[in-house]
Amino acid sequence: MKRLTTALVIAVFAGLLALPQPARADIQFGIKAGGSMAKPTGLDAQDPLATLKNKVGFTGGLFLAFNLGRVVAIQWEVLYTMKGATYVALDDTYTDKLYADYIEVPLLLKLKLPLPIIQPFVFAGPTVGFKLQEKLEENGTEVPSTEKLLKNNDYGAIFGAGLNLGRNFMVDVRYSLGMQKVISTVQGEVQPDFKNGVWSASLGIAF
């Protein structure tokens, strides 16, 4: 998957460089921000003795869109994203929280319906993530750890839809599907099936 993502990024940017100058001229740069709800996926994400609750957080960052005509666009983003989960014991004896902050870098293919003012669009593409920090809490108290619980990198795919509101404003809703097992293990241990999953909604402003 990592090799596929790298090859796709190289291929897209090579294609952009090969385009005629008029087609490359319509470029938008902007900022976006919104909210997120993270909930891990995978066979080992569920605990039969606890309720898995969403991690509500913030997402935001920068985007650069290459509009290849009225219908197709390539959008590159650099986003700060909060991920993780809360486990509350069914008998209320404990509450565990495992949170992590990431820089996420999606590369998206966007297809637009070319209407005059409000343009619906859908998008999809690969994403890679780089962990900034992680935190484990047990019953409200942070647990210091000398070993990393989560891997430093993550990767996956993003799917979503939204609306362009005129030339300068846009809203979108997306799901980030993690494809990497993110729990670190020592040599000889079985890798837990625990992946990141995040729903998010954001408002963007293009300049």
C-alpha atoms as a PDB file:
ATOM      1  CA  MET A   1       0.000   0.000   0.000  1.00  0.00           C
ATOM      2  CA  LYS A   2       2.818   2.414   0.800  1.00  0.00           C
ATOM      3  CA  ARG A   3       4.429   1.772  -2.598  1.00  0.00           C
ATOM      4  CA  LEU A   4       1.057   2.204  -4.325  1.00  0.00           C
ATOM      5  CA  THR A   5       0.465   5.540  -2.582  1.00  0.00           C
ATOM      6  CA  THR A   6       3.931   6.810  -3.488  1.00  0.00           C
ATOM      7  CA  ALA A   7       3.533   5.735  -7.111  1.00  0.00           C
ATOM      8  CA  LEU A   8       0.129   7.440  -7.340  1.00  0.00           C
ATOM      9  CA  VAL A   9       1.467  10.712  -5.935  1.00  0.00           C
ATOM     10  CA  ILE A  10       4.365  10.697  -8.412  1.00  0.00           C
ATOM     11  CA  ALA A  11       2.093   9.848 -11.327  1.00  0.00           C
ATOM     12  CA  VAL A  12      -0.391  12.617 -10.528  1.00  0.00           C
ATOM     13  CA  PHE A  13       2.227  15.316 -10.212  1.00  0.00           C
ATOM     14  CA  ALA A  14       4.012  14.110 -13.342  1.00  0.00           C
ATOM     15  CA  GLY A  15       0.705  14.383 -15.182  1.00  0.00           C
ATOM     16  CA  LEU A  16       0.171  17.911 -13.894  1.00  0.00           C
ATOM     17  CA  LEU A  17       3.591  18.991 -15.141  1.00  0.00           C
ATOM     18  CA  ALA A  18       2.805  17.557 -18.563  1.00  0.00           C
ATOM     19  CA  LEU A  19      -0.420  19.535 -18.963  1.00  0.00           C
ATOM     20  CA  PRO A  20      -0.570  22.534 -21.327  1.00  0.00           C
ATOM     21  CA  GLN A  21      -0.139  25.876 -19.584  1.00  0.00           C
ATOM     22  CA  PRO A  22      -3.768  27.073 -19.957  1.00  0.00           C
ATOM     23  CA  ALA A  23      -5.071  23.921 -18.275  1.00  0.00           C
ATOM     24  CA  ARG A  24      -2.695  24.384 -15.343  1.00  0.00           C
ATOM     25  CA  ALA A  25      -3.572  28.029 -14.805  1.00  0.00           C
ATOM     26  CA  ASP A  26      -6.664  27.509 -12.605  1.00  0.00           C
ATOM     27  CA  ILE A  27      -5.093  26.857  -9.209  1.00  0.00           C
ATOM     28  CA  GLN A  28      -6.721  27.542  -5.832  1.00  0.00           C
ATOM     29  CA  PHE A  29      -5.029  27.771  -2.456  1.00  0.00           C
ATOM     30  CA  GLY A  30      -7.021  27.876   0.754  1.00  0.00           C
ATOM     31  CA  ILE A  31      -7.622  26.960   4.366  1.00  0.00           C
ATOM     32  CA  LYS A  32     -10.219  24.679   5.922  1.00  0.00           C
ATOM     33  CA  ALA A  33     -11.380  23.770   9.408  1.00  0.00           C
ATOM     34  CA  GLY A  34     -14.080  21.702  11.036  1.00  0.00           C
ATOM     35  CA  GLY A  35     -14.943  18.948  13.455  1.00  0.00           C
ATOM     36  CA  SER A  36     -14.263  15.217  13.531  1.00  0.00           C
ATOM     37  CA  MET A  37     -15.525  12.029  15.163  1.00  0.00           C
ATOM     38  CA  ALA A  38     -12.940   9.252  15.408  1.00  0.00           C
ATOM     39  CA  LYS A  39     -13.790   5.618  16.097  1.00  0.00           C
ATOM     40  CA  PRO A  40     -11.305   2.774  15.536  1.00  0.00           C
ATOM     41  CA  THR A  41     -12.143  -0.132  13.255  1.00  0.00           C
ATOM     42  CA  GLY A  42     -10.830  -3.679  13.036  1.00  0.00           C
ATOM     43  CA  LEU A  43     -11.476  -6.980  14.764  1.00  0.00           C
ATOM     44  CA  ASP A  44      -9.613  -5.946  17.918  1.00  0.00           C
ATOM     45  CA  ALA A  45     -11.097  -2.446  18.204  1.00  0.00           C
ATOM     46  CA  GLN A  46     -14.147  -3.759  20.053  1.00  0.00           C
ATOM     47  CA  ASP A  47     -13.997  -4.757  23.721  1.00  0.00           C
ATOM     48  CA  PRO A  48     -16.808  -7.090  24.883  1.00  0.00           C
ATOM     49  CA  LEU A  49     -16.497  -5.675  28.401  1.00  0.00           C
ATOM     50  CA  ALA A  50     -16.662  -1.998  27.427  1.00  0.00           C
ATOM     51  CA  THR A  51     -18.515   0.518  25.276  1.00  0.00           C
ATOM     52  CA  LEU A  52     -16.454   2.113  22.508  1.00  0.00           C
ATOM     53  CA  LYS A  53     -17.197   5.841  22.224  1.00  0.00           C
ATOM     54  CA  ASN A  54     -16.224   8.348  19.543  1.00  0.00           C
ATOM     55  CA  LYS A  55     -13.365  10.783  20.028  1.00  0.00           C
ATOM     56  CA  VAL A  56     -14.772  14.203  19.110  1.00  0.00           C
ATOM     57  CA  GLY A  57     -12.085  16.616  17.963  1.00  0.00           C
ATOM     58  CA  PHE A  58     -10.839  19.211  15.497  1.00  0.00           C
ATOM     59  CA  THR A  59      -9.513  18.993  11.974  1.00  0.00           C
ATOM     60  CA  GLY A  60      -8.066  21.761   9.830  1.00  0.00           C
ATOM     61  CA  GLY A  61      -5.267  22.828   7.552  1.00  0.00           C
ATOM     62  CA  LEU A  62      -4.360  23.888   4.026  1.00  0.00           C
ATOM     63  CA  PHE A  63      -5.331  22.732   0.547  1.00  0.00           C
ATOM     64  CA  LEU A  64      -4.099  23.295  -3.002  1.00  0.00           C
ATOM     65  CA  ALA A  65      -6.521  22.510  -5.837  1.00  0.00           C
ATOM     66  CA  PHE A  66      -5.616  22.109  -9.517  1.00  0.00           C
ATOM     67  CA  ASN A  67      -8.811  22.587 -11.537  1.00  0.00           C
ATOM     68  CA  LEU A  68      -8.457  20.624 -14.774  1.00  0.00           C
ATOM     69  CA  GLY A  69     -11.446  22.105 -16.552  1.00  0.00           C
ATOM     70  CA  ARG A  70     -14.960  22.482 -15.131  1.00  0.00           C
ATOM     71  CA  VAL A  71     -15.461  18.899 -13.950  1.00  0.00           C
ATOM     72  CA  VAL A  72     -12.167  17.410 -12.746  1.00  0.00           C
ATOM     73  CA  ALA A  73      -9.804  18.680 -10.048  1.00  0.00           C
ATOM     74  CA  ILE A  74      -6.830  17.303  -8.148  1.00  0.00           C
ATOM     75  CA  GLN A  75      -6.655  18.496  -4.536  1.00  0.00           C
ATOM     76  CA  TRP A  76      -3.683  18.113  -2.212  1.00  0.00           C
ATOM     77  CA  GLU A  77      -4.197  18.781   1.502  1.00  0.00           C
ATOM     78  CA  VAL A  78      -2.158  19.018   4.690  1.00  0.00           C
ATOM     79  CA  LEU A  79      -4.407  18.605   7.714  1.00  0.00           C
ATOM     80  CA  TYR A  80      -4.131  18.394  11.484  1.00  0.00           C
ATOM     81  CA  THR A  81      -6.437  15.587  12.656  1.00  0.00           C
ATOM     82  CA  MET A  82      -7.337  14.205  16.073  1.00  0.00           C
ATOM     83  CA  LYS A  83      -7.926  10.437  16.350  1.00  0.00           C
ATOM     84  CA  GLY A  84      -8.476   7.892  19.095  1.00  0.00           C
ATOM     85  CA  ALA A  85     -11.191   6.343  21.229  1.00  0.00           C
ATOM     86  CA  THR A  86     -12.703   6.080  24.696  1.00  0.00           C
ATOM     87  CA  TYR A  87     -13.567   2.757  26.337  1.00  0.00           C
ATOM     88  CA  VAL A  88     -16.080   2.845  29.195  1.00  0.00           C
ATOM     89  CA  ALA A  89     -16.495  -0.391  31.153  1.00  0.00           C
ATOM     90  CA  LEU A  90     -19.993  -1.854  31.110  1.00  0.00           C
ATOM     91  CA  ASP A  91     -19.885  -1.934  34.915  1.00  0.00           C
ATOM     92  CA  ASP A  92     -18.423   1.622  35.069  1.00  0.00           C
ATOM     93  CA  THR A  93     -15.278   0.429  36.873  1.00  0.00           C
ATOM     94  CA  TYR A  94     -12.910   2.143  34.430  1.00  0.00           C
ATOM     95  CA  THR A  95     -12.679   4.621  31.579  1.00  0.00           C
ATOM     96  CA  ASP A  96      -9.677   4.328  29.248  1.00  0.00           C
ATOM     97  CA  LYS A  97      -8.782   6.902  26.590  1.00  0.00           C
ATOM     98  CA  LEU A  98      -6.188   6.513  23.858  1.00  0.00           C
ATOM     99  CA  TYR A  99      -5.771   9.671  21.785  1.00  0.00           C
ATOM    100  CA  ALA A 100      -3.328  10.692  19.064  1.00  0.00           C
ATOM    101  CA  ASP A 101      -2.795  13.780  16.905  1.00  0.00           C
ATOM    102  CA  TYR A 102      -1.702  13.394  13.279  1.00  0.00           C
ATOM    103  CA  ILE A 103      -0.635  15.432  10.300  1.00  0.00           C
ATOM    104  CA  GLU A 104      -2.595  13.861   7.462  1.00  0.00           C
ATOM    105  CA  VAL A 105      -1.709  14.377   3.786  1.00  0.00           C
ATOM    106  CA  PRO A 106      -4.475  13.331   1.352  1.00  0.00           C
ATOM    107  CA  LEU A 107      -4.253  13.485  -2.448  1.00  0.00           C
ATOM    108  CA  LEU A 108      -7.798  13.611  -3.815  1.00  0.00           C
ATOM    109  CA  LEU A 109      -9.453  13.291  -7.200  1.00  0.00           C
ATOM    110  CA  LYS A 110     -12.516  15.564  -7.219  1.00  0.00           C
ATOM    111  CA  LEU A 111     -15.401  15.356  -9.714  1.00  0.00           C
ATOM    112  CA  LYS A 112     -17.686  18.406  -9.875  1.00  0.00           C
ATOM    113  CA  LEU A 113     -21.144  19.002 -11.324  1.00  0.00           C
ATOM    114  CA  PRO A 114     -20.563  22.282 -13.255  1.00  0.00           C
ATOM    115  CA  LEU A 115     -23.583  24.328 -12.137  1.00  0.00           C
ATOM    116  CA  PRO A 116     -23.457  28.157 -12.076  1.00  0.00           C
ATOM    117  CA  ILE A 117     -23.435  28.960  -8.321  1.00  0.00           C
ATOM    118  CA  ILE A 118     -23.639  25.832  -6.149  1.00  0.00           C
ATOM    119  CA  GLN A 119     -21.572  22.900  -7.427  1.00  0.00           C
ATOM    120  CA  PRO A 120     -21.961  19.452  -5.832  1.00  0.00           C
ATOM    121  CA  PHE A 121     -18.834  17.295  -5.918  1.00  0.00           C
ATOM    122  CA  VAL A 122     -17.536  13.907  -4.847  1.00  0.00           C
ATOM    123  CA  PHE A 123     -13.933  12.963  -4.143  1.00  0.00           C
ATOM    124  CA  ALA A 124     -11.678  10.089  -3.177  1.00  0.00           C
ATOM    125  CA  GLY A 125      -7.997   9.309  -2.866  1.00  0.00           C
ATOM    126  CA  PRO A 126      -5.150   7.954  -0.737  1.00  0.00           C
ATOM    127  CA  THR A 127      -3.888   9.555   2.445  1.00  0.00           C
ATOM    128  CA  VAL A 128      -0.830   9.184   4.661  1.00  0.00           C
ATOM    129  CA  GLY A 129      -0.571  10.259   8.284  1.00  0.00           C
ATOM    130  CA  PHE A 130       2.318  11.197  10.567  1.00  0.00           C
ATOM    131  CA  LYS A 131       1.761  10.964  14.318  1.00  0.00           C
ATOM    132  CA  LEU A 132       2.598  14.082  16.314  1.00  0.00           C
ATOM    133  CA  GLN A 133       1.822  12.813  19.805  1.00  0.00           C
ATOM    134  CA  GLU A 134      -0.193  10.207  21.686  1.00  0.00           C
ATOM    135  CA  LYS A 135      -1.780  10.101  25.121  1.00  0.00           C
ATOM    136  CA  LEU A 136      -3.207   7.313  27.276  1.00  0.00           C
ATOM    137  CA  GLU A 137      -5.528   8.063  30.192  1.00  0.00           C
ATOM    138  CA  GLU A 138      -6.998   5.700  32.773  1.00  0.00           C
ATOM    139  CA  ASN A 139      -9.912   7.049  34.835  1.00  0.00           C
ATOM    140  CA  GLY A 140      -8.939  10.625  33.992  1.00  0.00           C
ATOM    141  CA  THR A 141      -5.244  10.258  34.891  1.00  0.00           C
ATOM    142  CA  GLU A 142      -2.574  10.351  32.198  1.00  0.00           C
ATOM    143  CA  VAL A 143      -0.424   7.226  32.135  1.00  0.00           C
ATOM    144  CA  PRO A 144       3.264   7.893  31.401  1.00  0.00           C
ATOM    145  CA  SER A 145       4.817   5.406  29.012  1.00  0.00           C
ATOM    146  CA  THR A 146       8.391   4.779  27.955  1.00  0.00           C
ATOM    147  CA  GLU A 147       7.237   2.814  24.897  1.00  0.00           C
ATOM    148  CA  LYS A 148       5.061   3.981  22.016  1.00  0.00           C
ATOM    149  CA  LEU A 149       1.620   2.417  21.853  1.00  0.00           C
ATOM    150  CA  LEU A 150       0.918   3.632  18.317  1.00  0.00           C
ATOM    151  CA  LYS A 151       3.050   3.516  15.187  1.00  0.00           C
ATOM    152  CA  ASN A 152       4.525   6.766  13.904  1.00  0.00           C
ATOM    153  CA  ASN A 153       2.857   6.478  10.479  1.00  0.00           C
ATOM    154  CA  ASP A 154      -0.585   5.630   9.162  1.00  0.00           C
ATOM    155  CA  TYR A 155      -2.138   5.300   5.715  1.00  0.00           C
ATOM    156  CA  GLY A 156      -5.565   4.766   4.213  1.00  0.00           C
ATOM    157  CA  ALA A 157      -8.196   6.103   1.843  1.00  0.00           C
ATOM    158  CA  ILE A 158     -10.601   9.038   1.940  1.00  0.00           C
ATOM    159  CA  PHE A 159     -14.102   9.219   0.453  1.00  0.00           C
ATOM    160  CA  GLY A 160     -16.456  12.168   0.591  1.00  0.00           C
ATOM    161  CA  ALA A 161     -18.792  14.705  -0.963  1.00  0.00           C
ATOM    162  CA  GLY A 162     -19.502  18.396  -0.681  1.00  0.00           C
ATOM    163  CA  LEU A 163     -20.577  21.664  -2.243  1.00  0.00           C
ATOM    164  CA  ASN A 164     -18.697  24.552  -3.834  1.00  0.00           C
ATOM    165  CA  LEU A 165     -20.495  27.735  -2.795  1.00  0.00           C
ATOM    166  CA  GLY A 166     -19.445  30.114  -5.529  1.00  0.00           C
ATOM    167  CA  ARG A 167     -15.752  30.437  -6.289  1.00  0.00           C
ATOM    168  CA  ASN A 168     -14.358  30.892  -2.790  1.00  0.00           C
ATOM    169  CA  PHE A 169     -16.291  28.783  -0.284  1.00  0.00           C
ATOM    170  CA  MET A 170     -16.827  25.043   0.070  1.00  0.00           C
ATOM    171  CA  VAL A 171     -18.132  22.516   2.568  1.00  0.00           C
ATOM    172  CA  ASP A 172     -17.418  18.802   2.623  1.00  0.00           C
ATOM    173  CA  VAL A 173     -18.092  15.656   4.618  1.00  0.00           C
ATOM    174  CA  ARG A 174     -15.664  12.733   4.445  1.00  0.00           C
ATOM    175  CA  TYR A 175     -14.640   9.434   5.927  1.00  0.00           C
ATOM    176  CA  SER A 176     -10.987   8.542   6.441  1.00  0.00           C
ATOM    177  CA  LEU A 177     -10.626   4.754   6.347  1.00  0.00           C
ATOM    178  CA  GLY A 178      -7.425   3.588   7.994  1.00  0.00           C
ATOM    179  CA  MET A 179      -5.755   0.580   6.338  1.00  0.00           C
ATOM    180  CA  GLN A 180      -2.753   0.243   8.648  1.00  0.00           C
ATOM    181  CA  LYS A 181      -2.766  -1.675  11.924  1.00  0.00           C
ATOM    182  CA  VAL A 182      -1.580   1.157  14.155  1.00  0.00           C
ATOM    183  CA  ILE A 183      -0.835  -0.555  17.462  1.00  0.00           C
ATOM    184  CA  SER A 184       2.903  -1.098  17.989  1.00  0.00           C
ATOM    185  CA  THR A 185       4.062  -4.564  19.014  1.00  0.00           C
ATOM    186  CA  VAL A 186       7.298  -6.114  20.190  1.00  0.00           C
ATOM    187  CA  GLN A 187       8.973  -8.841  18.174  1.00  0.00           C
ATOM    188  CA  GLY A 188       7.100 -12.133  18.296  1.00  0.00           C
ATOM    189  CA  GLU A 189       3.719 -10.677  19.243  1.00  0.00           C
ATOM    190  CA  VAL A 190       0.659 -10.919  17.006  1.00  0.00           C
ATOM    191  CA  GLN A 191      -0.256  -7.579  15.411  1.00  0.00           C
ATOM    192  CA  PRO A 192      -3.653  -6.421  16.782  1.00  0.00           C
ATOM    193  CA  ASP A 193      -6.256  -5.538  14.154  1.00  0.00           C
ATOM    194  CA  PHE A 194      -6.804  -1.943  15.312  1.00  0.00           C
ATOM    195  CA  LYS A 195      -7.117   0.784  12.663  1.00  0.00           C
ATOM    196  CA  ASN A 196      -8.076   4.451  12.650  1.00  0.00           C
ATOM    197  CA  GLY A 197     -11.421   5.586  11.286  1.00  0.00           C
ATOM    198  CA  VAL A 198     -12.593   9.219  11.239  1.00  0.00           C
ATOM    199  CA  TRP A 199     -15.707  11.061  10.060  1.00  0.00           C
ATOM    200  CA  SER A 200     -15.218  14.797   9.571  1.00  0.00           C
ATOM    201  CA  ALA A 201     -16.994  17.872   8.225  1.00  0.00           C
ATOM    202  CA  SER A 202     -15.253  21.117   7.317  1.00  0.00           C
ATOM    203  CA  LEU A 203     -15.674  24.558   5.773  1.00  0.00           C
ATOM    204  CA  GLY A 204     -13.028  25.797   3.327  1.00  0.00           C
ATOM    205  CA  ILE A 205     -12.100  29.232   1.987  1.00  0.00           C
ATOM    206  CA  ALA A 206     -10.149  29.525  -1.268  1.00  0.00           C
ATOM    207  CA  PHE A 207      -8.077  32.563  -2.271  1.00  0.00           C
END
